[in-house]
Amino acid sequence: MAEITQQALETSQREEFELARHLYVTALEKLRPDLLYLAPRNLYRGPVEAEALPDLFADDINFREAQRIPKTRVRLFKEGRRPTPTVDGILDNAFLEVGTHVQMRENREGRQATTATDVYVVRDEKDLYLFFNCNEPKMEKLRTEHAERDSGVWSDDCIEVFIDRSGDEVRYAHFIVSAADVRYDSRNDIGVEWNPEYETAVLREAESWSAELRIPFEELGGAPERGETWRMNFCRVRKTAGTEVNAWSAPM
């Protein structure tokens, strides 16, 4: 019997997996498209249909473009063909199919981030859903020193969300979730005494960690009205190699 090298075996297994994935998803698409949501995450890769966002840091002088507030559309997800995202730290098909997808840059000089951070945003009639996928080659060095809500979570490995519905910087909400799923939440006109009700989940894997949030619109003054524009920003604080802060929009 001829010897089979480990590399050849792995290649064969990958090819078999890709064939199985193709057949499985194709069968679902043709026979039961209403059940596509049952395909596991590692089998089904639905398209992200958000508009491509401009790279605000590219060929920029003095960060004039980076300091402009970028705009994107967060699509309304109607439950039916796909279920509402489950807040468990796993990237649901709803994010992949209709979510808005943004990537972060180093927030001071606009450099490519040392490790990638992807953010997906989707909404339904009642809630705003956010998913952060934080690549991390040094998982063993994650800093998670704070264990109580509204403590100094920002000094740990964490993600941050800023939401300013009015756009006047008077009542913006600030959410932080650490890699240990410890929360910080405040509103700048109230402070940390503001304690909204919302869901979070964190999942750690071999070379990444993810954070997922479901924030009810009622905690933010109600669902978006037609034609309304909200100001938002997303950040990640990485502590495994010094301190690196990444963001979608360059903080002013």
C-alpha atoms as a PDB file:
ATOM      1  CA  MET A   1       0.000   0.000   0.000  1.00  0.00           C
ATOM      2  CA  ALA A   2       1.381   3.401  -0.957  1.00  0.00           C
ATOM      3  CA  GLU A   3       2.170   5.794   1.860  1.00  0.00           C
ATOM      4  CA  ILE A   4      -0.096   8.800   2.288  1.00  0.00           C
ATOM      5  CA  THR A   5       1.617  11.880   3.672  1.00  0.00           C
ATOM      6  CA  GLN A   6      -0.059  14.005   6.325  1.00  0.00           C
ATOM      7  CA  GLN A   7      -0.214  16.924   3.891  1.00  0.00           C
ATOM      8  CA  ALA A   8      -1.894  14.791   1.217  1.00  0.00           C
ATOM      9  CA  LEU A   9      -4.354  13.477   3.786  1.00  0.00           C
ATOM     10  CA  GLU A  10      -5.238  16.981   4.946  1.00  0.00           C
ATOM     11  CA  THR A  11      -5.658  18.122   1.329  1.00  0.00           C
ATOM     12  CA  SER A  12      -7.953  15.184   0.625  1.00  0.00           C
ATOM     13  CA  GLN A  13      -9.998  15.899   3.733  1.00  0.00           C
ATOM     14  CA  ARG A  14     -10.375  19.569   2.759  1.00  0.00           C
ATOM     15  CA  GLU A  15     -11.510  18.604  -0.736  1.00  0.00           C
ATOM     16  CA  GLU A  16     -14.043  16.149   0.703  1.00  0.00           C
ATOM     17  CA  PHE A  17     -15.288  18.803   3.108  1.00  0.00           C
ATOM     18  CA  GLU A  18     -15.702  21.374   0.327  1.00  0.00           C
ATOM     19  CA  LEU A  19     -17.575  18.827  -1.807  1.00  0.00           C
ATOM     20  CA  ALA A  20     -19.858  17.944   1.116  1.00  0.00           C
ATOM     21  CA  ARG A  21     -20.453  21.621   1.826  1.00  0.00           C
ATOM     22  CA  HIS A  22     -21.323  22.322  -1.802  1.00  0.00           C
ATOM     23  CA  LEU A  23     -23.691  19.370  -2.072  1.00  0.00           C
ATOM     24  CA  TYR A  24     -25.356  20.091   1.261  1.00  0.00           C
ATOM     25  CA  VAL A  25     -25.955  23.758   0.640  1.00  0.00           C
ATOM     26  CA  THR A  26     -26.972  23.184  -2.998  1.00  0.00           C
ATOM     27  CA  ALA A  27     -29.514  20.599  -1.904  1.00  0.00           C
ATOM     28  CA  LEU A  28     -30.970  22.948   0.678  1.00  0.00           C
ATOM     29  CA  GLU A  29     -31.115  25.811  -1.821  1.00  0.00           C
ATOM     30  CA  LYS A  30     -32.980  23.688  -4.385  1.00  0.00           C
ATOM     31  CA  LEU A  31     -35.203  21.586  -2.152  1.00  0.00           C
ATOM     32  CA  ARG A  32     -35.800  23.557   1.038  1.00  0.00           C
ATOM     33  CA  PRO A  33     -34.495  27.129   0.806  1.00  0.00           C
ATOM     34  CA  ASP A  34     -36.590  27.924   3.855  1.00  0.00           C
ATOM     35  CA  LEU A  35     -34.285  25.655   5.880  1.00  0.00           C
ATOM     36  CA  LEU A  36     -30.959  27.147   4.820  1.00  0.00           C
ATOM     37  CA  TYR A  37     -30.590  28.652   8.262  1.00  0.00           C
ATOM     38  CA  LEU A  38     -30.069  25.103   9.576  1.00  0.00           C
ATOM     39  CA  ALA A  39     -26.756  24.827   7.752  1.00  0.00           C
ATOM     40  CA  PRO A  40     -23.909  25.111  10.301  1.00  0.00           C
ATOM     41  CA  ARG A  41     -21.792  28.232  10.318  1.00  0.00           C
ATOM     42  CA  ASN A  42     -18.758  26.414   8.872  1.00  0.00           C
ATOM     43  CA  LEU A  43     -20.844  25.113   5.973  1.00  0.00           C
ATOM     44  CA  TYR A  44     -22.967  28.072   4.967  1.00  0.00           C
ATOM     45  CA  ARG A  45     -21.365  31.350   3.928  1.00  0.00           C
ATOM     46  CA  GLY A  46     -24.106  33.716   2.878  1.00  0.00           C
ATOM     47  CA  PRO A  47     -23.136  37.022   1.255  1.00  0.00           C
ATOM     48  CA  VAL A  48     -22.903  40.214   3.244  1.00  0.00           C
ATOM     49  CA  GLU A  49     -25.072  42.598   1.291  1.00  0.00           C
ATOM     50  CA  ALA A  50     -23.981  45.901   2.834  1.00  0.00           C
ATOM     51  CA  GLU A  51     -22.526  48.561   0.572  1.00  0.00           C
ATOM     52  CA  ALA A  52     -18.733  48.608   0.466  1.00  0.00           C
ATOM     53  CA  LEU A  53     -17.467  51.336   2.781  1.00  0.00           C
ATOM     54  CA  PRO A  54     -14.708  53.688   1.620  1.00  0.00           C
ATOM     55  CA  ASP A  55     -11.313  53.405   3.275  1.00  0.00           C
ATOM     56  CA  LEU A  56     -11.258  56.783   4.993  1.00  0.00           C
ATOM     57  CA  PHE A  57      -7.555  56.467   5.817  1.00  0.00           C
ATOM     58  CA  ALA A  58      -6.253  55.731   2.321  1.00  0.00           C
ATOM     59  CA  ASP A  59      -4.155  58.455   0.658  1.00  0.00           C
ATOM     60  CA  ASP A  60      -5.272  60.868   3.341  1.00  0.00           C
ATOM     61  CA  ILE A  61      -3.441  64.058   4.294  1.00  0.00           C
ATOM     62  CA  ASN A  62      -3.823  65.146   7.922  1.00  0.00           C
ATOM     63  CA  PHE A  63      -6.669  62.633   8.291  1.00  0.00           C
ATOM     64  CA  ARG A  64      -9.241  65.074   6.948  1.00  0.00           C
ATOM     65  CA  GLU A  65     -11.200  62.265   5.329  1.00  0.00           C
ATOM     66  CA  ALA A  66     -10.756  59.927   8.284  1.00  0.00           C
ATOM     67  CA  GLN A  67     -12.303  62.526  10.537  1.00  0.00           C
ATOM     68  CA  ARG A  68     -15.412  62.710   8.405  1.00  0.00           C
ATOM     69  CA  ILE A  69     -18.143  60.581   9.872  1.00  0.00           C
ATOM     70  CA  PRO A  70     -18.665  57.649   7.495  1.00  0.00           C
ATOM     71  CA  LYS A  71     -22.207  56.571   6.746  1.00  0.00           C
ATOM     72  CA  THR A  72     -23.620  53.128   6.191  1.00  0.00           C
ATOM     73  CA  ARG A  73     -27.018  51.483   6.157  1.00  0.00           C
ATOM     74  CA  VAL A  74     -28.113  49.001   8.817  1.00  0.00           C
ATOM     75  CA  ARG A  75     -30.749  46.840   7.192  1.00  0.00           C
ATOM     76  CA  LEU A  76     -33.969  45.815   8.848  1.00  0.00           C
ATOM     77  CA  PHE A  77     -34.034  42.081   9.398  1.00  0.00           C
ATOM     78  CA  LYS A  78     -37.489  40.545   9.207  1.00  0.00           C
ATOM     79  CA  GLU A  79     -37.791  37.175  10.864  1.00  0.00           C
ATOM     80  CA  GLY A  80     -39.247  34.481   8.683  1.00  0.00           C
ATOM     81  CA  ARG A  81     -36.807  33.022   6.213  1.00  0.00           C
ATOM     82  CA  ARG A  82     -34.045  33.350   8.806  1.00  0.00           C
ATOM     83  CA  PRO A  83     -34.313  33.259  12.598  1.00  0.00           C
ATOM     84  CA  THR A  84     -33.350  36.181  14.815  1.00  0.00           C
ATOM     85  CA  PRO A  85     -29.700  36.022  15.922  1.00  0.00           C
ATOM     86  CA  THR A  86     -29.098  34.052  19.099  1.00  0.00           C
ATOM     87  CA  VAL A  87     -26.886  35.959  21.527  1.00  0.00           C
ATOM     88  CA  ASP A  88     -24.242  33.293  22.100  1.00  0.00           C
ATOM     89  CA  GLY A  89     -21.044  34.667  20.555  1.00  0.00           C
ATOM     90  CA  ILE A  90     -21.538  32.717  17.308  1.00  0.00           C
ATOM     91  CA  LEU A  91     -21.877  34.514  13.983  1.00  0.00           C
ATOM     92  CA  ASP A  92     -25.442  33.757  12.871  1.00  0.00           C
ATOM     93  CA  ASN A  93     -26.512  33.627   9.226  1.00  0.00           C
ATOM     94  CA  ALA A  94     -28.607  36.762   9.740  1.00  0.00           C
ATOM     95  CA  PHE A  95     -25.400  38.798  10.175  1.00  0.00           C
ATOM     96  CA  LEU A  96     -23.807  37.209   7.116  1.00  0.00           C
ATOM     97  CA  GLU A  97     -26.784  37.646   4.825  1.00  0.00           C
ATOM     98  CA  VAL A  98     -28.176  41.065   5.621  1.00  0.00           C
ATOM     99  CA  GLY A  99     -25.753  42.551   8.130  1.00  0.00           C
ATOM    100  CA  THR A 100     -23.660  45.651   7.693  1.00  0.00           C
ATOM    101  CA  HIS A 101     -19.978  44.709   7.871  1.00  0.00           C
ATOM    102  CA  VAL A 102     -17.157  47.071   8.851  1.00  0.00           C
ATOM    103  CA  GLN A 103     -13.496  46.570   9.668  1.00  0.00           C
ATOM    104  CA  MET A 104     -11.334  48.554  12.057  1.00  0.00           C
ATOM    105  CA  ARG A 105      -8.082  50.470  11.686  1.00  0.00           C
ATOM    106  CA  GLU A 106      -5.514  51.597  14.229  1.00  0.00           C
ATOM    107  CA  ASN A 107      -7.198  54.700  15.571  1.00  0.00           C
ATOM    108  CA  ARG A 108      -4.315  57.217  15.736  1.00  0.00           C
ATOM    109  CA  GLU A 109      -2.435  56.911  12.454  1.00  0.00           C
ATOM    110  CA  GLY A 110      -4.872  54.840  10.425  1.00  0.00           C
ATOM    111  CA  ARG A 111      -2.463  51.948  10.023  1.00  0.00           C
ATOM    112  CA  GLN A 112      -3.693  48.495   9.200  1.00  0.00           C
ATOM    113  CA  ALA A 113      -4.553  46.899  12.527  1.00  0.00           C
ATOM    114  CA  THR A 114      -2.067  44.337  13.822  1.00  0.00           C
ATOM    115  CA  THR A 115      -4.931  41.874  14.193  1.00  0.00           C
ATOM    116  CA  ALA A 116      -8.192  42.123  12.291  1.00  0.00           C
ATOM    117  CA  THR A 117     -11.472  43.059  13.962  1.00  0.00           C
ATOM    118  CA  ASP A 118     -14.701  42.621  12.034  1.00  0.00           C
ATOM    119  CA  VAL A 119     -17.999  44.115  13.160  1.00  0.00           C
ATOM    120  CA  TYR A 120     -21.422  43.039  11.907  1.00  0.00           C
ATOM    121  CA  VAL A 121     -24.574  45.044  12.616  1.00  0.00           C
ATOM    122  CA  VAL A 122     -28.193  44.130  11.927  1.00  0.00           C
ATOM    123  CA  ARG A 123     -31.543  45.169  13.404  1.00  0.00           C
ATOM    124  CA  ASP A 124     -35.116  44.046  13.645  1.00  0.00           C
ATOM    125  CA  GLU A 125     -38.176  45.994  14.730  1.00  0.00           C
ATOM    126  CA  LYS A 126     -37.229  45.940  18.419  1.00  0.00           C
ATOM    127  CA  ASP A 127     -33.490  45.369  18.794  1.00  0.00           C
ATOM    128  CA  LEU A 128     -30.041  46.312  17.538  1.00  0.00           C
ATOM    129  CA  TYR A 129     -27.643  43.361  17.163  1.00  0.00           C
ATOM    130  CA  LEU A 130     -23.862  43.731  17.046  1.00  0.00           C
ATOM    131  CA  PHE A 131     -21.207  41.066  16.562  1.00  0.00           C
ATOM    132  CA  PHE A 132     -17.461  41.628  17.006  1.00  0.00           C
ATOM    133  CA  ASN A 133     -14.965  39.045  15.777  1.00  0.00           C
ATOM    134  CA  CYS A 134     -11.557  39.807  17.297  1.00  0.00           C
ATOM    135  CA  ASN A 135      -8.631  37.876  15.855  1.00  0.00           C
ATOM    136  CA  GLU A 136      -6.019  37.240  18.536  1.00  0.00           C
ATOM    137  CA  PRO A 137      -2.869  35.114  18.093  1.00  0.00           C
ATOM    138  CA  LYS A 138      -1.978  35.556  21.785  1.00  0.00           C
ATOM    139  CA  MET A 139      -5.129  34.308  23.450  1.00  0.00           C
ATOM    140  CA  GLU A 140      -3.187  33.173  26.516  1.00  0.00           C
ATOM    141  CA  LYS A 141      -2.288  36.822  27.212  1.00  0.00           C
ATOM    142  CA  LEU A 142      -5.803  38.271  27.204  1.00  0.00           C
ATOM    143  CA  ARG A 143      -6.186  40.760  30.036  1.00  0.00           C
ATOM    144  CA  THR A 144      -9.402  40.273  31.999  1.00  0.00           C
ATOM    145  CA  GLU A 145      -8.694  41.776  35.410  1.00  0.00           C
ATOM    146  CA  HIS A 146     -12.065  43.412  36.109  1.00  0.00           C
ATOM    147  CA  ALA A 147     -15.015  41.312  37.210  1.00  0.00           C
ATOM    148  CA  GLU A 148     -17.682  43.839  38.228  1.00  0.00           C
ATOM    149  CA  ARG A 149     -20.047  45.819  36.035  1.00  0.00           C
ATOM    150  CA  ASP A 150     -19.045  49.457  35.463  1.00  0.00           C
ATOM    151  CA  SER A 151     -15.529  48.869  36.782  1.00  0.00           C
ATOM    152  CA  GLY A 152     -12.454  49.805  34.719  1.00  0.00           C
ATOM    153  CA  VAL A 153     -13.293  47.343  31.964  1.00  0.00           C
ATOM    154  CA  TRP A 154     -11.732  49.638  29.333  1.00  0.00           C
ATOM    155  CA  SER A 155      -8.257  48.691  30.605  1.00  0.00           C
ATOM    156  CA  ASP A 156      -8.865  45.015  29.732  1.00  0.00           C
ATOM    157  CA  ASP A 157      -9.146  43.406  26.310  1.00  0.00           C
ATOM    158  CA  CYS A 158     -12.548  44.677  25.265  1.00  0.00           C
ATOM    159  CA  ILE A 159     -14.806  46.078  22.573  1.00  0.00           C
ATOM    160  CA  GLU A 160     -16.683  49.386  22.763  1.00  0.00           C
ATOM    161  CA  VAL A 161     -19.854  50.729  21.169  1.00  0.00           C
ATOM    162  CA  PHE A 162     -20.847  54.410  21.053  1.00  0.00           C
ATOM    163  CA  ILE A 163     -24.403  55.319  20.062  1.00  0.00           C
ATOM    164  CA  ASP A 164     -25.523  58.941  19.703  1.00  0.00           C
ATOM    165  CA  ARG A 165     -29.083  58.986  18.449  1.00  0.00           C
ATOM    166  CA  SER A 166     -29.514  62.755  18.495  1.00  0.00           C
ATOM    167  CA  GLY A 167     -26.087  63.441  17.010  1.00  0.00           C
ATOM    168  CA  ASP A 168     -25.465  66.330  19.413  1.00  0.00           C
ATOM    169  CA  GLU A 169     -23.067  64.462  21.764  1.00  0.00           C
ATOM    170  CA  VAL A 170     -25.337  65.316  24.708  1.00  0.00           C
ATOM    171  CA  ARG A 171     -26.918  61.929  25.423  1.00  0.00           C
ATOM    172  CA  TYR A 172     -24.674  59.375  23.746  1.00  0.00           C
ATOM    173  CA  ALA A 173     -24.569  55.844  25.135  1.00  0.00           C
ATOM    174  CA  HIS A 174     -21.330  53.975  25.767  1.00  0.00           C
ATOM    175  CA  PHE A 175     -21.181  50.171  26.010  1.00  0.00           C
ATOM    176  CA  ILE A 176     -18.070  48.093  26.774  1.00  0.00           C
ATOM    177  CA  VAL A 177     -17.824  44.306  26.872  1.00  0.00           C
ATOM    178  CA  SER A 178     -14.595  42.655  27.977  1.00  0.00           C
ATOM    179  CA  ALA A 179     -13.179  39.335  26.818  1.00  0.00           C
ATOM    180  CA  ALA A 180     -14.512  37.966  30.116  1.00  0.00           C
ATOM    181  CA  ASP A 181     -18.046  39.229  29.304  1.00  0.00           C
ATOM    182  CA  VAL A 182     -17.928  41.962  31.937  1.00  0.00           C
ATOM    183  CA  ARG A 183     -19.972  45.049  31.028  1.00  0.00           C
ATOM    184  CA  TYR A 184     -19.601  48.766  31.349  1.00  0.00           C
ATOM    185  CA  ASP A 185     -22.455  51.027  30.313  1.00  0.00           C
ATOM    186  CA  SER A 186     -23.008  54.720  30.758  1.00  0.00           C
ATOM    187  CA  ARG A 187     -24.707  57.716  29.205  1.00  0.00           C
ATOM    188  CA  ASN A 188     -22.765  60.934  29.264  1.00  0.00           C
ATOM    189  CA  ASP A 189     -25.657  62.972  30.653  1.00  0.00           C
ATOM    190  CA  ILE A 190     -26.280  60.451  33.460  1.00  0.00           C
ATOM    191  CA  GLY A 191     -23.038  58.557  34.013  1.00  0.00           C
ATOM    192  CA  VAL A 192     -22.622  54.965  35.150  1.00  0.00           C
ATOM    193  CA  GLU A 193     -25.884  55.164  37.073  1.00  0.00           C
ATOM    194  CA  TRP A 194     -27.519  54.466  33.707  1.00  0.00           C
ATOM    195  CA  ASN A 195     -27.988  50.677  33.685  1.00  0.00           C
ATOM    196  CA  PRO A 196     -29.906  49.596  30.578  1.00  0.00           C
ATOM    197  CA  GLU A 197     -31.193  46.072  30.087  1.00  0.00           C
ATOM    198  CA  TYR A 198     -29.443  44.271  27.234  1.00  0.00           C
ATOM    199  CA  GLU A 199     -27.846  40.923  26.391  1.00  0.00           C
ATOM    200  CA  THR A 200     -24.195  40.065  25.791  1.00  0.00           C
ATOM    201  CA  ALA A 201     -22.221  36.905  25.140  1.00  0.00           C
ATOM    202  CA  VAL A 202     -18.501  36.227  24.673  1.00  0.00           C
ATOM    203  CA  LEU A 203     -16.966  33.168  23.041  1.00  0.00           C
ATOM    204  CA  ARG A 204     -13.246  32.341  23.124  1.00  0.00           C
ATOM    205  CA  GLU A 205     -11.713  30.162  20.442  1.00  0.00           C
ATOM    206  CA  ALA A 206      -8.155  29.079  19.611  1.00  0.00           C
ATOM    207  CA  GLU A 207      -7.049  32.284  17.869  1.00  0.00           C
ATOM    208  CA  SER A 208      -9.922  34.705  18.345  1.00  0.00           C
ATOM    209  CA  TRP A 209     -12.643  35.856  20.660  1.00  0.00           C
ATOM    210  CA  SER A 210     -16.042  37.239  19.823  1.00  0.00           C
ATOM    211  CA  ALA A 211     -18.549  39.471  21.577  1.00  0.00           C
ATOM    212  CA  GLU A 212     -22.218  39.717  20.687  1.00  0.00           C
ATOM    213  CA  LEU A 213     -24.778  42.258  21.917  1.00  0.00           C
ATOM    214  CA  ARG A 214     -28.530  42.669  21.653  1.00  0.00           C
ATOM    215  CA  ILE A 215     -29.574  46.181  22.655  1.00  0.00           C
ATOM    216  CA  PRO A 216     -33.331  46.909  22.790  1.00  0.00           C
ATOM    217  CA  PHE A 217     -34.218  50.134  21.003  1.00  0.00           C
ATOM    218  CA  GLU A 218     -36.416  51.094  23.950  1.00  0.00           C
ATOM    219  CA  GLU A 219     -33.206  51.605  25.950  1.00  0.00           C
ATOM    220  CA  LEU A 220     -32.091  54.093  23.291  1.00  0.00           C
ATOM    221  CA  GLY A 221     -35.282  56.127  23.089  1.00  0.00           C
ATOM    222  CA  GLY A 222     -37.213  53.935  20.662  1.00  0.00           C
ATOM    223  CA  ALA A 223     -36.771  52.323  17.264  1.00  0.00           C
ATOM    224  CA  PRO A 224     -35.280  54.387  14.406  1.00  0.00           C
ATOM    225  CA  GLU A 225     -37.777  56.509  12.533  1.00  0.00           C
ATOM    226  CA  ARG A 226     -37.891  56.704   8.754  1.00  0.00           C
ATOM    227  CA  GLY A 227     -35.149  58.976   7.464  1.00  0.00           C
ATOM    228  CA  GLU A 228     -33.409  59.190  10.817  1.00  0.00           C
ATOM    229  CA  THR A 229     -29.592  58.986  10.992  1.00  0.00           C
ATOM    230  CA  TRP A 230     -27.793  57.829  14.127  1.00  0.00           C
ATOM    231  CA  ARG A 231     -24.149  58.421  14.973  1.00  0.00           C
ATOM    232  CA  MET A 232     -22.261  55.292  16.045  1.00  0.00           C
ATOM    233  CA  ASN A 233     -18.688  54.114  16.448  1.00  0.00           C
ATOM    234  CA  PHE A 234     -17.051  50.804  17.258  1.00  0.00           C
ATOM    235  CA  CYS A 235     -13.693  50.267  18.960  1.00  0.00           C
ATOM    236  CA  ARG A 236     -11.498  47.457  20.190  1.00  0.00           C
ATOM    237  CA  VAL A 237      -8.863  47.713  22.906  1.00  0.00           C
ATOM    238  CA  ARG A 238      -6.159  45.047  22.557  1.00  0.00           C
ATOM    239  CA  LYS A 239      -3.854  44.473  25.531  1.00  0.00           C
ATOM    240  CA  THR A 240      -1.982  41.302  24.595  1.00  0.00           C
ATOM    241  CA  ALA A 241       0.959  43.228  23.076  1.00  0.00           C
ATOM    242  CA  GLY A 242       1.088  46.569  24.857  1.00  0.00           C
ATOM    243  CA  THR A 243      -1.990  48.636  24.081  1.00  0.00           C
ATOM    244  CA  GLU A 244      -3.541  48.923  20.650  1.00  0.00           C
ATOM    245  CA  VAL A 245      -6.821  50.722  20.026  1.00  0.00           C
ATOM    246  CA  ASN A 246      -8.655  50.127  16.777  1.00  0.00           C
ATOM    247  CA  ALA A 247     -11.788  51.908  15.558  1.00  0.00           C
ATOM    248  CA  TRP A 248     -14.144  52.185  12.597  1.00  0.00           C
ATOM    249  CA  SER A 249     -14.272  55.974  12.532  1.00  0.00           C
ATOM    250  CA  ALA A 250     -11.289  57.981  13.750  1.00  0.00           C
ATOM    251  CA  PRO A 251     -12.189  59.585  17.105  1.00  0.00           C
ATOM    252  CA  MET A 252     -12.157  63.372  16.874  1.00  0.00           C
END
